[in-house]
Amino acid sequence: MNVPDAATSPSVVGGAASQAGRAIAVAGEALVDFVLEPGGGTTPHLGGCSFNAARTLGWLGLPPVFIGRLSRDRYGRALRSALEESGVILEGVVATDAPTTFARVDGDGHGATGCRSCMEGTSMAGLLPEEARAAMPARVMALHVGGLGTAVEPQASAIVTLVREAGTETLVLVDPNCRAGVTRARSVFCDRLRDLMCLADVVKASEEDFAYLDPDRTPDQTARALAWLGGWVTDGRGRRDLGNFDAVLRTAEFAALVAARTCGRAGAEPCEDGRRPSGGGASARREGGCGVALRRVNASRGGRRRC
C-alpha cells in the first residue's frame, strides 16, 4: 500500500457540483484493512465498501462524487490519493484530524473473513447529516450506500437522511456488506439496514449478509421476507432502466462476477486491470456466491416506498 507524505488537505471541501448531466454519489466509508497473514504479520490494504465502489465506478468511466470523511493522517492521504487516481470526484469529502478508521481482517483460508474494527472517534464515524446534504450534487442519477458506513453514528444518520431525501428519479442502491464483530449494537444496525433496503431500488447482498441479518432463516427466506426478487441489478443509468429486464440480467451477471473477484482479493480491493472480466451467470455465482436483488419498480410512481 502506498502511503504518501503529501501536504494536508483543507478542512472541508465545499458542496459537490455534478458534472455534465446527472451525477452518481457514493456515501460511506473509506478505511484501512489490516489483513492477518499466515505468518502472524499484517498487511494494510486501502478499502471499505463505499471506497471500493467509488473507485470501480471511476475506472468504468462513471466518476462518482464520494461523500464521507477522510483523515489528514498518512493513511487518510493515501485513501484520498487512491480515490483521486481512480477519477473519483472529491468535492464531497470532509477532511478531519481524527485518525483513519482501521479494521483487522482474519481469513480462514477459503475466502471467508472475520473482522474487528475500531470506528468510534475515527475518521469514518463523524460525518454529520448537514455535511452529507451539503456534499450531495444538485441532480443525482444514482446513490450508493451501505457497508460499515451505516454501522456507527452520526454517519449512519447522515446516510439514512440522504436515502430518505433522494428524489424519485434517483436510483438508490444498498450494499449491506455485513461484517460480524464490527458493532456492539447489532440489533440497531440490522434494523437500520432493513429500513434502508425497504427504501432502495437495488440491493446487492451475499449469503453472509442475509445470515447476519437473520441467522434463523436461509438466505432465500430472508430475501423473500424482505420483499426482494433475487438475481437482478441495474446498469446505473437511472430508475427508468429497471424496466429493461434483459439488460438488467446481463448487467447482473457481469456485476456478480466483478463482485466475486473483488471479494476474493486481499483487502478486498477492486480489480482495476480486467475491468470487463469475461464470464458471468453461473460461473459468477460459483466463484463468489454474491447475489443481487431488485424490486420491480414503476419509475413513474409518486414516491419512494416506505416499509
Protein backbone atom coordinates (compact mmCIF):
# COMPACT_ATOMS: atom_id res chain seq x y z
CA MET A 1 0.00 0.00 0.00
CA ASN A 2 1.37 3.39 -0.95
CA VAL A 3 1.05 5.94 1.85
CA PRO A 4 2.32 9.27 0.52
CA ASP A 5 3.58 12.07 2.73
CA ALA A 6 1.54 14.66 0.91
CA ALA A 7 0.52 18.04 2.23
CA THR A 8 -2.61 18.16 4.34
CA SER A 9 -5.97 18.94 2.77
CA PRO A 10 -8.36 21.79 3.54
CA SER A 11 -10.72 21.13 6.47
CA VAL A 12 -13.87 20.93 4.39
CA VAL A 13 -14.22 20.73 0.64
CA GLY A 14 -17.38 22.51 -0.44
CA GLY A 15 -20.68 21.13 -1.68
CA ALA A 16 -20.30 18.94 -4.71
CA ALA A 17 -21.34 20.08 -8.14
CA SER A 18 -22.38 17.48 -10.67
CA GLN A 19 -20.60 17.06 -13.96
CA ALA A 20 -22.46 17.39 -17.25
CA GLY A 21 -25.86 15.80 -16.76
CA ARG A 22 -26.72 13.95 -13.58
CA ALA A 23 -24.18 12.68 -11.08
CA ILE A 24 -23.61 9.42 -9.22
CA ALA A 25 -22.99 9.74 -5.47
CA VAL A 26 -21.34 7.16 -3.20
CA ALA A 27 -21.78 7.79 0.53
CA GLY A 28 -20.00 5.82 3.21
CA GLU A 29 -16.67 4.60 4.48
CA ALA A 30 -13.05 4.67 3.43
CA LEU A 31 -10.74 2.78 5.76
CA VAL A 32 -7.66 0.59 6.02
CA ASP A 33 -7.95 -3.19 6.43
CA PHE A 34 -5.05 -4.83 8.24
CA VAL A 35 -5.11 -8.38 6.91
CA LEU A 36 -3.60 -11.03 9.18
CA GLU A 37 -1.09 -13.08 7.23
CA PRO A 38 -0.35 -16.80 7.88
CA GLY A 39 2.99 -15.92 9.46
CA GLY A 40 1.35 -13.67 12.03
CA GLY A 41 2.13 -10.30 10.46
CA THR A 42 -0.39 -7.89 9.00
CA THR A 43 -0.57 -6.19 5.61
CA PRO A 44 -2.51 -2.91 5.21
CA HIS A 45 -4.98 -2.58 2.33
CA LEU A 46 -6.98 0.50 1.43
CA GLY A 47 -10.64 -0.41 1.37
CA GLY A 48 -14.20 -0.09 2.54
CA CYS A 49 -17.39 -0.93 0.66
CA SER A 50 -18.06 2.65 -0.43
CA PHE A 51 -14.40 3.35 -1.20
CA ASN A 52 -14.20 0.29 -3.48
CA ALA A 53 -17.50 1.12 -5.18
CA ALA A 54 -16.40 4.69 -5.90
CA ARG A 55 -13.04 3.61 -7.36
CA THR A 56 -14.66 0.98 -9.56
CA LEU A 57 -17.16 3.49 -10.94
CA GLY A 58 -14.28 5.81 -11.72
CA TRP A 59 -12.44 3.06 -13.60
CA LEU A 60 -15.59 2.32 -15.60
CA GLY A 61 -15.70 5.93 -16.79
CA LEU A 62 -18.55 6.95 -14.46
CA PRO A 63 -16.72 9.19 -11.96
CA PRO A 64 -18.87 9.47 -8.82
CA VAL A 65 -18.90 12.02 -6.04
CA PHE A 66 -17.56 10.42 -2.84
CA ILE A 67 -19.35 11.61 0.30
CA GLY A 68 -17.54 10.82 3.52
CA ARG A 69 -14.77 11.84 5.90
CA LEU A 70 -11.05 11.31 5.32
CA SER A 71 -8.33 11.83 7.90
CA ARG A 72 -5.42 14.18 7.37
CA ASP A 73 -3.06 11.47 8.62
CA ARG A 74 -0.87 9.49 6.20
CA TYR A 75 -3.44 6.74 5.74
CA GLY A 76 -6.15 9.28 5.00
CA ARG A 77 -3.90 10.92 2.43
CA ALA A 78 -3.33 7.51 0.83
CA LEU A 79 -7.10 6.92 0.64
CA ARG A 80 -7.61 10.36 -0.91
CA SER A 81 -4.85 9.76 -3.48
CA ALA A 82 -6.31 6.39 -4.47
CA LEU A 83 -9.75 7.92 -4.99
CA GLU A 84 -8.32 10.80 -6.99
CA GLU A 85 -6.21 8.50 -9.17
CA SER A 86 -9.34 6.48 -9.94
CA GLY A 87 -11.15 9.55 -11.21
CA VAL A 88 -13.43 9.96 -8.20
CA ILE A 89 -14.75 13.48 -7.57
CA LEU A 90 -13.60 14.63 -4.13
CA GLU A 91 -15.79 17.71 -3.69
CA GLY A 92 -17.94 15.75 -1.23
CA VAL A 93 -15.06 14.84 1.08
CA VAL A 94 -14.86 16.30 4.59
CA ALA A 95 -11.32 16.30 6.00
CA THR A 96 -10.74 15.65 9.70
CA ASP A 97 -7.94 15.41 12.25
CA ALA A 98 -9.49 12.21 13.63
CA PRO A 99 -7.37 9.11 12.90
CA THR A 100 -8.18 6.88 9.95
CA THR A 101 -10.60 4.04 10.66
CA PHE A 102 -8.92 0.63 10.80
CA ALA A 103 -10.24 -2.92 10.59
CA ARG A 104 -8.41 -6.14 11.40
CA VAL A 105 -9.33 -8.88 8.96
CA ASP A 106 -8.70 -12.57 9.66
CA GLY A 107 -9.04 -15.02 6.74
CA ASP A 108 -9.97 -18.68 7.11
CA GLY A 109 -8.09 -19.81 4.01
CA HIS A 110 -11.30 -20.28 2.00
CA GLY A 111 -12.21 -16.68 1.24
CA ALA A 112 -14.30 -16.06 4.35
CA THR A 113 -13.12 -13.44 6.82
CA GLY A 114 -13.67 -12.29 10.34
CA CYS A 115 -13.41 -8.60 11.09
CA ARG A 116 -12.81 -6.41 14.11
CA SER A 117 -12.74 -2.66 13.71
CA CYS A 118 -12.38 0.48 15.77
CA MET A 119 -14.79 3.09 14.47
CA GLU A 120 -15.87 5.38 17.30
CA GLY A 121 -13.81 8.56 17.34
CA THR A 122 -12.19 7.78 13.98
CA SER A 123 -12.39 9.49 10.61
CA MET A 124 -15.30 7.48 9.22
CA ALA A 125 -17.76 7.88 12.05
CA GLY A 126 -18.21 11.62 12.35
CA LEU A 127 -19.98 12.64 9.13
CA LEU A 128 -22.93 14.85 10.07
CA PRO A 129 -26.28 14.94 8.24
CA GLU A 130 -25.80 18.60 7.31
CA GLU A 131 -22.36 17.84 5.86
CA ALA A 132 -23.78 14.96 3.82
CA ARG A 133 -26.58 17.16 2.49
CA ALA A 134 -24.13 19.89 1.51
CA ALA A 135 -22.00 17.34 -0.35
CA MET A 136 -24.82 15.92 -2.47
CA PRO A 137 -24.91 17.08 -6.10
CA ALA A 138 -27.99 19.02 -7.16
CA ARG A 139 -29.13 16.31 -9.60
CA VAL A 140 -28.34 12.72 -8.64
CA MET A 141 -28.84 9.84 -11.05
CA ALA A 142 -27.85 7.14 -8.54
CA LEU A 143 -26.90 6.94 -4.86
CA HIS A 144 -24.83 4.03 -3.50
CA VAL A 145 -24.80 3.46 0.28
CA GLY A 146 -24.12 0.68 2.73
CA GLY A 147 -21.36 -1.19 4.45
CA LEU A 148 -19.75 -0.03 7.65
CA GLY A 149 -20.89 3.49 6.86
CA THR A 150 -24.28 2.62 8.36
CA ALA A 151 -22.89 0.94 11.50
CA VAL A 152 -21.92 3.94 13.61
CA GLU A 153 -23.32 7.37 14.43
CA PRO A 154 -23.55 10.12 13.39
CA GLN A 155 -22.60 8.92 9.89
CA ALA A 156 -25.36 6.30 9.91
CA SER A 157 -27.99 9.01 10.39
CA ALA A 158 -26.34 11.09 7.67
CA ILE A 159 -26.60 8.23 5.18
CA VAL A 160 -30.20 7.44 6.14
CA THR A 161 -31.01 11.13 5.60
CA LEU A 162 -29.57 11.05 2.07
CA VAL A 163 -31.61 7.97 1.19
CA ARG A 164 -34.85 9.31 2.63
CA GLU A 165 -34.40 12.62 0.83
CA ALA A 166 -33.43 11.06 -2.52
CA GLY A 167 -35.76 12.10 -5.30
CA THR A 168 -37.98 9.63 -7.12
CA GLU A 169 -35.71 9.97 -10.18
CA THR A 170 -32.68 8.80 -8.15
CA LEU A 171 -31.81 5.10 -8.20
CA VAL A 172 -30.81 4.04 -4.67
CA LEU A 173 -28.51 1.02 -4.28
CA VAL A 174 -27.83 -0.51 -0.86
CA ASP A 175 -24.93 -2.90 -0.22
CA PRO A 176 -25.32 -4.25 3.35
CA ASN A 177 -21.77 -5.70 3.45
CA CYS A 178 -22.37 -7.00 6.97
CA ARG A 179 -19.26 -7.86 8.97
CA ALA A 180 -19.60 -9.83 12.18
CA GLY A 181 -18.00 -8.05 15.11
CA VAL A 182 -17.99 -4.53 13.68
CA THR A 183 -20.58 -3.14 16.08
CA ARG A 184 -21.81 -3.90 19.58
CA ALA A 185 -25.32 -2.69 18.67
CA ARG A 186 -26.10 -5.47 16.19
CA SER A 187 -29.89 -5.23 16.50
CA VAL A 188 -29.85 -1.48 15.84
CA PHE A 189 -27.54 -1.98 12.87
CA CYS A 190 -29.77 -4.71 11.39
CA ASP A 191 -32.94 -2.63 11.87
CA ARG A 192 -31.27 0.29 10.12
CA LEU A 193 -30.19 -1.90 7.20
CA ARG A 194 -33.68 -3.33 6.82
CA ASP A 195 -35.12 0.20 6.72
CA LEU A 196 -32.59 1.20 4.06
CA MET A 197 -33.34 -1.89 1.97
CA CYS A 198 -37.03 -1.06 2.06
CA LEU A 199 -36.21 2.36 0.60
CA ALA A 200 -33.82 1.02 -2.03
CA ASP A 201 -34.36 0.21 -5.69
CA VAL A 202 -31.44 -2.22 -5.81
CA VAL A 203 -29.88 -4.37 -3.10
CA LYS A 204 -26.59 -6.21 -3.57
CA ALA A 205 -26.34 -8.88 -0.90
CA SER A 206 -24.37 -12.04 -0.20
CA GLU A 207 -25.39 -15.16 1.66
CA GLU A 208 -23.28 -13.88 4.56
CA ASP A 209 -25.26 -10.62 4.60
CA PHE A 210 -28.57 -12.45 4.82
CA ALA A 211 -27.24 -14.81 7.50
CA TYR A 212 -26.12 -11.81 9.55
CA LEU A 213 -29.49 -10.07 9.18
CA ASP A 214 -31.49 -13.18 10.11
CA PRO A 215 -29.47 -16.21 11.29
CA ASP A 216 -32.63 -18.28 11.83
CA ARG A 217 -33.60 -18.30 8.15
CA THR A 218 -31.98 -19.41 4.92
CA PRO A 219 -30.66 -16.61 2.68
CA ASP A 220 -33.53 -17.20 0.23
CA GLN A 221 -36.10 -16.99 3.01
CA THR A 222 -34.58 -13.77 4.31
CA ALA A 223 -34.57 -12.23 0.84
CA ARG A 224 -38.21 -13.10 0.32
CA ALA A 225 -39.15 -11.87 3.78
CA LEU A 226 -37.58 -8.54 2.89
CA ALA A 227 -39.74 -8.48 -0.26
CA TRP A 228 -36.89 -8.76 -2.76
CA LEU A 229 -36.77 -10.73 -6.01
CA GLY A 230 -33.33 -12.30 -6.47
CA GLY A 231 -30.95 -12.14 -9.41
CA TRP A 232 -31.23 -8.60 -10.75
CA VAL A 233 -29.22 -5.39 -10.81
CA THR A 234 -29.31 -2.24 -12.91
CA ASP A 235 -26.65 -0.76 -15.19
CA GLY A 236 -26.57 2.64 -13.48
CA ARG A 237 -28.37 4.89 -15.95
CA GLY A 238 -31.28 5.53 -13.61
CA ARG A 239 -34.53 4.08 -12.29
CA ARG A 240 -36.21 4.20 -15.69
CA ASP A 241 -33.88 1.42 -16.88
CA LEU A 242 -35.15 -1.08 -14.33
CA GLY A 243 -37.96 -1.99 -16.72
CA ASN A 244 -35.49 -3.40 -19.29
CA PHE A 245 -35.02 -6.78 -17.62
CA ASP A 246 -32.92 -8.33 -20.39
CA ALA A 247 -30.34 -5.57 -19.95
CA VAL A 248 -30.70 -5.81 -16.18
CA LEU A 249 -29.99 -9.55 -16.22
CA ARG A 250 -26.89 -9.14 -18.39
CA THR A 251 -25.62 -6.45 -16.06
CA ALA A 252 -26.39 -8.60 -13.01
CA GLU A 253 -24.24 -11.44 -14.35
CA PHE A 254 -21.36 -9.07 -15.01
CA ALA A 255 -21.75 -7.36 -11.63
CA ALA A 256 -21.84 -10.65 -9.73
CA LEU A 257 -18.59 -11.76 -11.35
CA VAL A 258 -16.87 -8.45 -10.61
CA ALA A 259 -18.06 -8.57 -7.00
CA ALA A 260 -16.92 -12.17 -6.58
CA ARG A 261 -13.45 -11.40 -7.89
CA THR A 262 -13.20 -8.22 -5.84
CA CYS A 263 -14.14 -10.02 -2.63
CA GLY A 264 -11.63 -12.77 -3.40
CA ARG A 265 -8.72 -10.30 -3.33
CA ALA A 266 -6.98 -9.31 -0.11
CA GLY A 267 -8.43 -6.17 1.26
CA ALA A 268 -10.81 -6.60 -0.63
CA GLU A 269 -9.54 -4.48 -3.50
CA PRO A 270 -11.47 -3.89 -6.72
CA CYS A 271 -9.89 -5.36 -9.83
CA GLU A 272 -8.57 -2.44 -11.86
CA ASP A 273 -6.91 -4.49 -14.57
CA GLY A 274 -9.54 -6.50 -16.35
CA ARG A 275 -12.35 -4.04 -15.83
CA ARG A 276 -14.60 -6.12 -18.06
CA PRO A 277 -13.91 -9.71 -16.97
CA SER A 278 -15.19 -12.46 -19.21
CA GLY A 279 -17.78 -14.90 -17.99
CA GLY A 280 -20.79 -14.40 -15.79
CA GLY A 281 -24.01 -16.12 -14.89
CA ALA A 282 -23.43 -19.46 -13.19
CA SER A 283 -19.66 -19.01 -13.19
CA ALA A 284 -20.06 -15.79 -11.23
CA ARG A 285 -22.32 -17.46 -8.70
CA ARG A 286 -19.91 -20.38 -8.29
CA GLU A 287 -16.96 -18.05 -7.87
CA GLY A 288 -18.31 -15.86 -5.13
CA GLY A 289 -21.86 -16.67 -4.12
CA CYS A 290 -22.70 -13.00 -4.48
CA GLY A 291 -26.34 -12.19 -5.02
CA VAL A 292 -28.21 -9.14 -6.21
CA ALA A 293 -31.81 -8.26 -5.53
CA LEU A 294 -34.03 -5.77 -7.30
CA ARG A 295 -37.53 -4.60 -6.58
CA ARG A 296 -39.67 -4.33 -9.71
CA VAL A 297 -40.42 -0.63 -9.61
CA ASN A 298 -42.55 1.74 -11.59
CA ALA A 299 -40.36 4.74 -12.36
CA SER A 300 -43.42 6.97 -12.64
CA ARG A 301 -44.71 6.21 -9.14
CA GLY A 302 -45.29 9.19 -6.90
CA GLY A 303 -42.74 8.48 -4.17
CA ARG A 304 -40.17 6.13 -2.65
CA ARG A 305 -41.64 3.13 -0.88
CA ARG A 306 -41.60 3.18 2.93
CA CYS A 307 -41.68 -0.08 4.92
